[in-house]
Amino acid sequence: MSYYVYLLASDKCGTLYLGVTNDIVRRVYEHKSKAVAGFTKRYGVDRLVWFEIYDDPTTAIAREKELKKWRRAWKIRLIEERNPQWIDLYPQIST
């Protein structure tokens, strides 16, 4: 089973949300459909702009905790290294 650490954005350089899941397609769909009340629904954060894949939950959770301590500028740089246009990656992974 794979585990994912992911970043969502409301827009390019907009509000960011960092999460971890074992089913990225389902989880991002939940954010996009506003199925779960909370931060992403309140602030319209539903664009998948970055993710990493891990083989075990412990490593994924540790990476999420590490990234949560990062400054916003560092997270933006992380996104722009692989996705400079801040394209929504969800259509690529949901097919």
Protein backbone atom coordinates (compact mmCIF):
# COMPACT_ATOMS: atom_id res chain seq x y z
CA MET A 1 0.00 0.00 0.00
CA SER A 2 1.15 3.53 -0.76
CA TYR A 3 0.91 6.58 1.44
CA TYR A 4 0.91 10.15 0.19
CA VAL A 5 1.96 13.49 1.59
CA TYR A 6 0.27 16.22 -0.44
CA LEU A 7 -0.16 19.95 -0.76
CA LEU A 8 -3.35 21.63 -1.91
CA ALA A 9 -3.65 25.28 -2.88
CA SER A 10 -6.56 27.64 -3.39
CA ASP A 11 -4.76 29.31 -6.31
CA LYS A 12 -1.20 30.02 -7.44
CA CYS A 13 0.63 31.17 -4.31
CA GLY A 14 -2.71 31.05 -2.48
CA THR A 15 -3.73 29.36 0.75
CA LEU A 16 -1.95 26.03 1.32
CA TYR A 17 -3.07 22.82 3.01
CA LEU A 18 -0.75 19.93 3.84
CA GLY A 19 -2.08 16.43 4.43
CA VAL A 20 -1.31 12.72 4.44
CA THR A 21 -3.47 9.86 3.15
CA ASN A 22 -3.38 6.29 1.89
CA ASP A 23 -5.85 7.06 -0.94
CA ILE A 24 -4.96 10.32 -2.64
CA VAL A 25 -7.66 10.13 -5.33
CA ARG A 26 -10.44 9.69 -2.76
CA ARG A 27 -9.01 12.29 -0.37
CA VAL A 28 -8.54 15.01 -2.99
CA TYR A 29 -12.02 14.26 -4.31
CA GLU A 30 -13.35 14.86 -0.79
CA HIS A 31 -11.59 18.23 -0.73
CA LYS A 32 -12.86 19.15 -4.20
CA SER A 33 -16.46 18.14 -3.50
CA LYS A 34 -16.41 19.97 -0.14
CA ALA A 35 -17.62 16.70 1.43
CA VAL A 36 -15.84 17.33 4.72
CA ALA A 37 -16.31 20.50 6.73
CA GLY A 38 -13.11 22.21 7.78
CA PHE A 39 -10.21 24.30 6.61
CA THR A 40 -10.18 23.34 2.93
CA LYS A 41 -13.92 23.84 2.54
CA ARG A 42 -13.85 27.17 4.37
CA TYR A 43 -10.96 28.57 2.31
CA GLY A 44 -11.64 26.90 -1.05
CA VAL A 45 -8.39 24.92 -1.03
CA ASP A 46 -8.88 22.12 -3.56
CA ARG A 47 -6.09 22.23 -6.16
CA LEU A 48 -3.58 19.36 -5.81
CA VAL A 49 -0.24 21.01 -6.59
CA TRP A 50 2.33 18.62 -5.09
CA PHE A 51 2.62 15.14 -3.58
CA GLU A 52 5.16 12.50 -2.58
CA ILE A 53 4.63 8.74 -2.31
CA TYR A 54 5.85 6.54 0.55
CA ASP A 55 5.75 2.80 1.21
CA ASP A 56 4.87 3.00 4.89
CA PRO A 57 2.66 5.24 7.03
CA THR A 58 5.32 6.04 9.60
CA THR A 59 7.62 7.64 7.02
CA ALA A 60 4.75 9.54 5.40
CA ILE A 61 3.53 10.92 8.73
CA ALA A 62 7.08 11.90 9.72
CA ARG A 63 7.49 13.77 6.41
CA GLU A 64 4.16 15.56 6.90
CA LYS A 65 5.20 16.66 10.40
CA GLU A 66 8.54 17.87 9.03
CA LEU A 67 6.86 19.91 6.27
CA LYS A 68 4.34 21.41 8.70
CA LYS A 69 7.29 23.06 10.46
CA TRP A 70 8.56 24.58 7.22
CA ARG A 71 8.14 28.23 6.35
CA ARG A 72 5.59 29.06 3.69
CA ALA A 73 8.34 30.20 1.27
CA TRP A 74 10.00 26.79 1.51
CA LYS A 75 6.71 25.03 0.70
CA ILE A 76 6.19 27.32 -2.30
CA ARG A 77 9.70 26.49 -3.53
CA LEU A 78 8.96 22.76 -3.09
CA ILE A 79 5.83 23.11 -5.25
CA GLU A 80 7.50 25.23 -7.91
CA GLU A 81 10.44 22.82 -8.31
CA ARG A 82 8.06 20.23 -9.83
CA ASN A 83 4.98 22.25 -10.72
CA PRO A 84 6.00 25.84 -11.59
CA GLN A 85 2.58 26.63 -13.11
CA TRP A 86 0.69 25.30 -10.06
CA ILE A 87 -1.33 23.03 -12.35
CA ASP A 88 -3.99 20.92 -10.63
CA LEU A 89 -2.51 17.40 -10.69
CA TYR A 90 -5.78 15.69 -9.78
CA PRO A 91 -6.91 15.00 -13.38
CA GLN A 92 -3.60 13.19 -14.02
CA ILE A 93 -3.92 10.85 -11.04
CA SER A 94 -7.69 10.25 -11.11
CA THR A 95 -7.86 8.54 -14.50
